[in-house]
Protein backbone atom coordinates (compact mmCIF):
# COMPACT_ATOMS: atom_id res chain seq x y z
CA MET A 1 -23.63 4.66 -10.79
CA LYS A 2 -23.67 8.24 -12.05
CA ALA A 3 -21.28 9.14 -14.86
CA SER A 4 -18.11 10.89 -13.77
CA LYS A 5 -17.55 14.52 -14.79
CA ARG A 6 -13.79 14.13 -14.46
CA GLN A 7 -11.82 15.52 -17.38
CA ASN A 8 -8.42 14.10 -18.30
CA ILE A 9 -5.61 16.60 -17.78
CA ILE A 10 -3.09 14.49 -19.69
CA ASN A 11 -3.55 12.16 -22.65
CA GLU A 12 -1.38 10.13 -25.01
CA ALA A 13 -0.54 13.10 -27.24
CA LEU A 14 0.56 15.32 -24.34
CA TRP A 15 2.52 12.47 -22.74
CA THR A 16 4.36 11.81 -26.01
CA GLU A 17 5.19 15.49 -26.42
CA MET A 18 6.41 15.81 -22.82
CA MET A 19 8.61 12.72 -22.94
CA SER A 20 10.11 13.53 -26.36
CA HIS A 21 12.70 15.62 -24.50
CA GLY A 22 13.86 12.84 -22.17
CA ASN A 23 14.36 9.11 -22.22
CA PHE A 24 11.69 6.94 -20.64
CA SER A 25 11.75 3.16 -20.44
CA GLY A 26 8.71 1.33 -19.17
CA GLU A 27 5.10 0.43 -19.84
CA VAL A 28 2.55 3.24 -20.23
CA LYS A 29 -1.25 2.81 -20.12
CA PHE A 30 -3.74 5.57 -20.93
CA ASN A 31 -7.21 5.96 -19.39
CA GLU A 32 -6.46 2.78 -17.44
CA PRO A 33 -9.11 1.36 -15.03
CA MET A 34 -7.59 1.32 -11.55
CA LYS A 35 -9.88 -1.54 -10.54
CA ASP A 36 -7.43 -3.73 -12.48
CA HIS A 37 -4.55 -2.55 -10.28
CA THR A 38 -5.96 -2.62 -6.74
CA SER A 39 -6.60 -5.54 -4.41
CA LEU A 40 -10.18 -4.31 -3.94
CA LYS A 41 -10.90 -4.48 -7.69
CA ILE A 42 -12.55 -1.05 -7.42
CA GLY A 43 -11.67 2.24 -9.10
CA GLY A 44 -12.23 4.46 -12.10
CA PRO A 45 -9.58 5.21 -14.74
CA ALA A 46 -6.28 7.02 -14.28
CA ASP A 47 -5.36 9.47 -17.03
CA VAL A 48 -2.01 7.69 -17.30
CA LEU A 49 -0.59 4.70 -15.44
CA VAL A 50 3.15 4.15 -15.83
CA PHE A 51 5.53 1.35 -14.84
CA PRO A 52 9.05 2.83 -15.11
CA ASN A 53 11.92 0.37 -15.54
CA ASP A 54 14.68 2.40 -13.89
CA THR A 55 15.59 5.48 -11.88
CA ILE A 56 16.66 7.52 -14.92
CA SER A 57 13.22 7.05 -16.47
CA LEU A 58 11.62 8.12 -13.20
CA GLU A 59 13.80 11.22 -12.95
CA ASN A 60 13.08 12.26 -16.54
CA MET A 61 9.37 11.69 -16.05
CA LEU A 62 9.18 13.69 -12.79
CA ALA A 63 11.07 16.58 -14.38
CA ALA A 64 8.62 16.64 -17.32
CA LEU A 65 5.58 16.42 -15.03
CA ASP A 66 6.93 19.20 -12.81
CA GLU A 67 7.64 21.44 -15.80
CA ASN A 68 4.09 20.92 -17.12
CA ARG A 69 2.47 21.05 -13.67
CA ILE A 70 0.92 17.61 -14.07
CA PRO A 71 0.20 15.91 -10.72
CA PHE A 72 1.35 12.37 -10.04
CA MET A 73 0.65 9.75 -7.41
CA PRO A 74 2.89 6.79 -6.58
CA ILE A 75 1.32 3.45 -5.70
CA GLY A 76 2.77 0.20 -4.45
CA GLY A 77 0.87 -3.02 -4.96
CA GLY A 78 -2.56 -1.34 -4.89
CA THR A 79 -3.39 -2.82 -1.50
CA ASN A 80 -4.96 -0.75 1.28
CA LEU A 81 -6.14 1.57 -1.50
CA LEU A 82 -9.63 2.66 -2.54
CA VAL A 83 -9.82 4.59 -5.82
CA ARG A 84 -13.04 6.56 -6.26
CA ASP A 85 -15.28 5.81 -9.22
CA GLY A 86 -14.29 9.00 -11.06
CA GLY A 87 -10.70 7.83 -11.31
CA ILE A 88 -7.47 9.80 -10.95
CA ASN A 89 -6.33 12.94 -12.74
CA GLY A 90 -2.70 13.03 -13.80
CA VAL A 91 -0.15 10.22 -13.69
CA VAL A 92 -0.18 7.18 -11.42
CA VAL A 93 3.31 5.75 -10.94
CA SER A 94 3.78 2.07 -10.12
CA VAL A 95 7.15 0.91 -8.77
CA ARG A 96 6.48 -2.78 -9.39
CA ASN A 97 9.49 -3.10 -11.74
CA PHE A 98 11.96 -2.16 -8.97
CA LYS A 99 12.54 -5.68 -7.66
CA ARG A 100 16.20 -6.02 -6.63
CA VAL A 101 17.18 -7.54 -3.26
CA GLU A 102 20.81 -7.79 -2.09
CA ILE A 103 22.57 -8.63 1.15
CA LEU A 104 24.67 -5.56 2.00
CA LYS A 105 26.20 -6.85 5.19
CA GLU A 106 26.24 -10.05 7.19
CA GLU A 107 28.03 -9.42 10.46
CA ARG A 108 27.65 -11.97 13.25
CA ASP A 109 23.87 -12.18 13.61
CA LEU A 110 23.10 -8.84 11.89
CA ILE A 111 21.77 -8.95 8.32
CA MET A 112 21.49 -5.71 6.33
CA LEU A 113 19.46 -5.91 3.12
CA PHE A 114 19.15 -3.56 0.14
CA VAL A 115 15.53 -3.84 -1.02
CA GLU A 116 13.98 -1.97 -3.94
CA SER A 117 10.51 -0.55 -3.47
CA GLY A 118 8.75 -2.93 -5.87
CA VAL A 119 9.75 -6.03 -3.92
CA PRO A 120 6.70 -7.83 -2.46
CA LEU A 121 6.69 -8.16 1.32
CA SER A 122 6.07 -11.87 0.77
CA ARG A 123 9.52 -12.17 -0.83
CA LEU A 124 11.18 -10.89 2.35
CA VAL A 125 9.17 -13.36 4.43
CA THR A 126 10.31 -16.16 2.09
CA LEU A 127 13.91 -14.96 2.44
CA SER A 128 13.51 -15.10 6.21
CA ARG A 129 12.10 -18.60 6.07
CA GLU A 130 14.82 -19.95 3.76
CA ASN A 131 17.75 -18.41 5.65
CA GLY A 132 16.59 -18.30 9.27
CA TYR A 133 16.42 -14.48 9.34
CA THR A 134 14.22 -13.04 12.08
CA GLY A 135 12.40 -9.71 12.09
CA MET A 136 9.84 -10.17 9.30
CA GLU A 137 7.88 -13.22 10.50
CA GLU A 138 4.85 -11.10 11.50
CA PHE A 139 4.58 -9.75 7.94
CA VAL A 140 3.52 -13.12 6.52
CA GLY A 141 0.24 -12.81 4.64
CA ILE A 142 0.48 -9.02 4.24
CA PRO A 143 0.09 -8.20 0.54
CA GLY A 144 1.71 -5.27 -1.18
CA LEU A 145 5.17 -3.95 -1.95
CA VAL A 146 7.96 -2.67 0.29
CA GLY A 147 7.70 0.96 -0.86
CA GLY A 148 4.02 1.18 0.00
CA ALA A 149 4.60 -0.71 3.24
CA ILE A 150 7.12 1.94 4.32
CA ALA A 151 4.87 4.85 3.33
CA GLY A 152 1.99 3.36 5.33
CA ASN A 153 4.11 1.73 8.05
CA SER A 154 2.46 -1.63 7.44
CA GLY A 155 2.63 -4.33 10.06
CA ALA A 156 0.86 -6.94 12.15
CA PHE A 157 1.00 -8.62 15.56
CA GLY A 158 2.62 -5.57 17.18
CA ARG A 159 5.43 -5.09 14.64
CA SER A 160 5.69 -2.73 11.69
CA MET A 161 8.16 -1.42 9.12
CA LYS A 162 9.40 0.97 11.82
CA ASN A 163 11.05 -2.02 13.51
CA VAL A 164 13.13 -3.03 10.48
CA LEU A 165 13.71 0.12 8.40
CA VAL A 166 17.17 1.71 8.60
CA SER A 167 16.95 4.20 5.73
CA ALA A 168 15.47 4.71 2.28
CA ARG A 169 16.47 6.29 -1.01
CA VAL A 170 13.82 8.73 -2.17
CA LEU A 171 13.31 10.64 -5.41
CA ASP A 172 11.55 13.97 -5.75
CA ALA A 173 11.58 16.72 -8.35
CA ASP A 174 13.33 19.26 -6.08
CA LYS A 175 16.12 17.24 -4.42
CA GLY A 176 16.56 14.42 -6.90
CA VAL A 177 17.68 11.14 -5.33
CA HIS A 178 18.53 11.43 -1.64
CA GLU A 179 18.71 9.31 1.50
CA ILE A 180 16.26 9.57 4.39
CA VAL A 181 17.02 7.80 7.66
CA ALA A 182 14.19 5.91 9.34
CA ASP A 183 13.61 8.49 12.09
CA GLU A 184 12.95 11.20 9.50
CA PHE A 185 10.00 9.26 8.09
CA GLY A 186 8.09 9.79 11.35
CA LEU A 187 6.73 6.24 11.25
CA GLU A 188 3.74 5.86 13.54
CA TYR A 189 0.77 3.51 13.67
CA ARG A 190 -0.14 2.88 10.02
CA GLU A 191 1.24 6.21 8.82
CA SER A 192 4.40 8.11 7.99
CA LYS A 193 5.46 11.67 7.26
CA MET A 194 6.54 10.72 3.78
CA PRO A 195 7.43 13.98 1.98
CA ALA A 196 4.75 15.02 -0.52
CA GLY A 197 5.73 14.52 -4.14
CA SER A 198 8.29 11.82 -3.30
CA ILE A 199 8.77 8.27 -4.52
CA ILE A 200 10.59 5.63 -2.49
CA LEU A 201 13.16 3.88 -4.68
CA SER A 202 14.77 1.45 -2.26
CA SER A 203 15.44 0.83 1.41
CA ASN A 204 17.98 -0.65 3.78
CA ILE A 205 16.30 -3.18 6.05
CA LYS A 206 17.79 -4.91 9.07
CA MET A 207 17.13 -8.43 10.26
CA ARG A 208 18.95 -10.87 12.48
CA LYS A 209 19.99 -14.47 12.02
CA ASP A 210 18.23 -16.78 14.43
CA ILE A 211 20.32 -19.45 16.13
CA ILE A 212 17.74 -22.06 15.16
CA LYS A 213 16.36 -21.71 11.61
CA GLU A 214 13.38 -23.94 12.41
CA ASP A 215 12.21 -21.44 15.03
CA VAL A 216 11.75 -18.82 12.32
CA ILE A 217 9.72 -21.28 10.26
CA LYS A 218 7.54 -22.13 13.25
CA ARG A 219 6.82 -18.45 13.96
CA ILE A 220 5.92 -17.76 10.33
CA GLU A 221 3.59 -20.76 10.23
CA GLY A 222 2.03 -19.71 13.54
CA PHE A 223 1.30 -16.19 12.32
CA ILE A 224 -0.21 -17.29 9.00
CA ARG A 225 -2.35 -19.84 10.82
CA LYS A 226 -3.72 -17.09 13.07
CA LYS A 227 -4.45 -14.90 10.04
CA ARG A 228 -6.33 -17.67 8.26
CA GLU A 229 -8.43 -18.23 11.36
CA ARG A 230 -9.18 -14.55 11.98
CA GLN A 231 -9.15 -12.81 8.59
CA PRO A 232 -10.93 -13.37 5.23
CA ILE A 233 -7.60 -13.54 3.38
CA SER A 234 -9.05 -15.49 0.44
CA GLU A 235 -11.68 -12.82 -0.34
CA VAL A 236 -11.40 -9.55 -2.28
CA SER A 237 -10.56 -6.78 0.19
CA ALA A 238 -8.05 -4.05 0.98
CA GLY A 239 -7.20 -5.31 4.45
CA CYS A 240 -8.33 -3.38 7.53
CA VAL A 241 -10.62 -0.47 6.70
CA PHE A 242 -10.22 1.45 9.98
CA LYS A 243 -7.31 2.02 12.35
CA ASN A 244 -7.56 0.56 15.82
CA PRO A 245 -8.47 3.31 18.30
CA GLU A 246 -6.24 3.76 21.34
CA GLY A 247 -6.68 0.73 23.59
CA ALA A 248 -9.36 -0.90 21.44
CA SER A 249 -9.89 -3.07 18.37
CA ALA A 250 -11.80 -1.50 15.48
CA GLY A 251 -12.97 -4.94 14.36
CA LYS A 252 -14.32 -5.75 17.83
CA LEU A 253 -16.17 -2.41 18.07
CA ILE A 254 -17.73 -2.92 14.63
CA ASP A 255 -18.67 -6.51 15.51
CA GLU A 256 -20.29 -5.48 18.81
CA THR A 257 -22.48 -2.91 17.06
CA GLY A 258 -23.94 -5.73 14.97
CA CYS A 259 -22.39 -4.62 11.68
CA LYS A 260 -21.11 -8.00 10.51
CA GLY A 261 -22.87 -8.90 7.27
CA MET A 262 -24.05 -5.33 6.59
CA ARG A 263 -24.13 -4.76 2.85
CA ILE A 264 -24.52 -1.89 0.43
CA GLY A 265 -24.50 -2.89 -3.22
CA ASP A 266 -21.69 -5.39 -3.62
CA VAL A 267 -19.74 -4.27 -0.55
CA GLU A 268 -20.19 -6.33 2.61
CA VAL A 269 -18.76 -6.22 6.14
CA SER A 270 -16.94 -9.54 6.52
CA ALA A 271 -18.53 -12.16 8.74
CA VAL A 272 -15.01 -13.36 9.63
CA HIS A 273 -13.42 -10.04 10.64
CA ALA A 274 -15.65 -6.97 10.85
CA ASN A 275 -12.84 -4.54 9.95
CA PHE A 276 -12.58 -6.09 6.49
CA PHE A 277 -15.06 -4.98 3.81
CA ILE A 278 -15.44 -7.47 0.97
CA ASN A 279 -16.06 -6.79 -2.71
CA LYS A 280 -18.65 -9.46 -3.44
CA GLY A 281 -18.66 -8.88 -7.18
CA ASN A 282 -18.91 -5.52 -8.92
CA ALA A 283 -18.61 -3.10 -6.01
CA SER A 284 -18.36 0.67 -6.45
CA ALA A 285 -16.24 3.06 -4.43
CA ALA A 286 -19.35 5.11 -3.68
CA ASP A 287 -21.00 2.13 -2.00
CA PHE A 288 -17.79 1.27 -0.15
CA ILE A 289 -17.55 4.80 1.28
CA LYS A 290 -21.27 4.83 2.13
CA LEU A 291 -20.84 1.57 4.07
CA MET A 292 -17.81 3.05 5.85
CA ASP A 293 -19.92 6.05 6.88
CA GLU A 294 -22.77 3.88 8.18
CA VAL A 295 -20.43 1.66 10.18
CA LYS A 296 -18.66 4.71 11.63
CA ALA A 297 -22.01 6.22 12.65
CA LYS A 298 -23.08 3.02 14.41
CA VAL A 299 -19.81 2.79 16.35
CA VAL A 300 -20.12 6.42 17.41
CA ALA A 301 -23.73 5.88 18.50
CA VAL A 302 -22.90 2.80 20.61
CA PHE A 303 -19.40 3.53 21.90
CA GLY A 304 -18.81 7.24 21.28
CA VAL A 305 -15.66 6.34 19.34
CA GLU A 306 -14.84 8.00 16.01
CA LEU A 307 -13.10 5.46 13.77
CA GLU A 308 -10.33 6.77 11.52
CA PRO A 309 -9.77 5.23 8.07
CA GLU A 310 -6.71 3.06 7.62
CA ILE A 311 -7.54 2.53 3.98
CA ARG A 312 -6.22 5.26 1.66
CA ILE A 313 -8.98 6.91 -0.39
CA VAL A 314 -7.92 8.74 -3.55
CA GLY A 315 -9.35 10.06 -6.80
CA GLN A 316 -12.43 11.91 -8.02
CA GLU A 317 -16.07 11.13 -7.26
């Protein structure tokens, strides 16, 4: 792998100087390898990786970054994310410490939840299972945090965050903390119109109480069983690499071009589900992207279909 020419635009000394004018509570890591913070276990270093503990710390940090024109990038659980080998300039902001869940309203069969952005999706599935809440069963087995799931409109089996999101509290340097209703996010298939430079703090999520609690449990078990049969969930991946084209399955197209088992370096097209690329050891982002390009070219050659990435690719080469 060639050495990166990326130059840090912020270091420990500059961070300390910037934050001396405002309170910040949370963990801060400098020149931190992003491969340690993504499900793919791939990625060069971020100048700074921060884990704020509260909204005040986030607000003070964003104000300082804005004043010094330092870019930042929020991340959720690091799933569905490929960080290039050169790493990330500026500040990467993790919301993993925002973990509060509360029941706001329980009215007949309607359940309204307050969910902070660092809550794992798996926690909401567990809540559904324990209480007989319906609406999140299809999300079983999806890794990642609620904030990232909203930004990418995560989902499975025909449902997505669009089906459960009511509104979200968002922070940006210009407007501060403000509320955005679900329709304003423009949630579509695996994407949203999340305002640039914004961080999701929390959301209001709706579910319903099923008449028979055991039915919820059965649906959850059914969906996870299907995933275990069809997806390499025990291997190192970032989930689906490409979006499904209109009326087709990306995995099926890739499979039918004979791409299963294709490998470049330590990146391999899964033999279980062809739309999953597996890190077989010490994979690089460069090899991952090269394999993506080769698979795309084969699908175009056979089917005339241009696959669009579902995985988010960030950072410097």
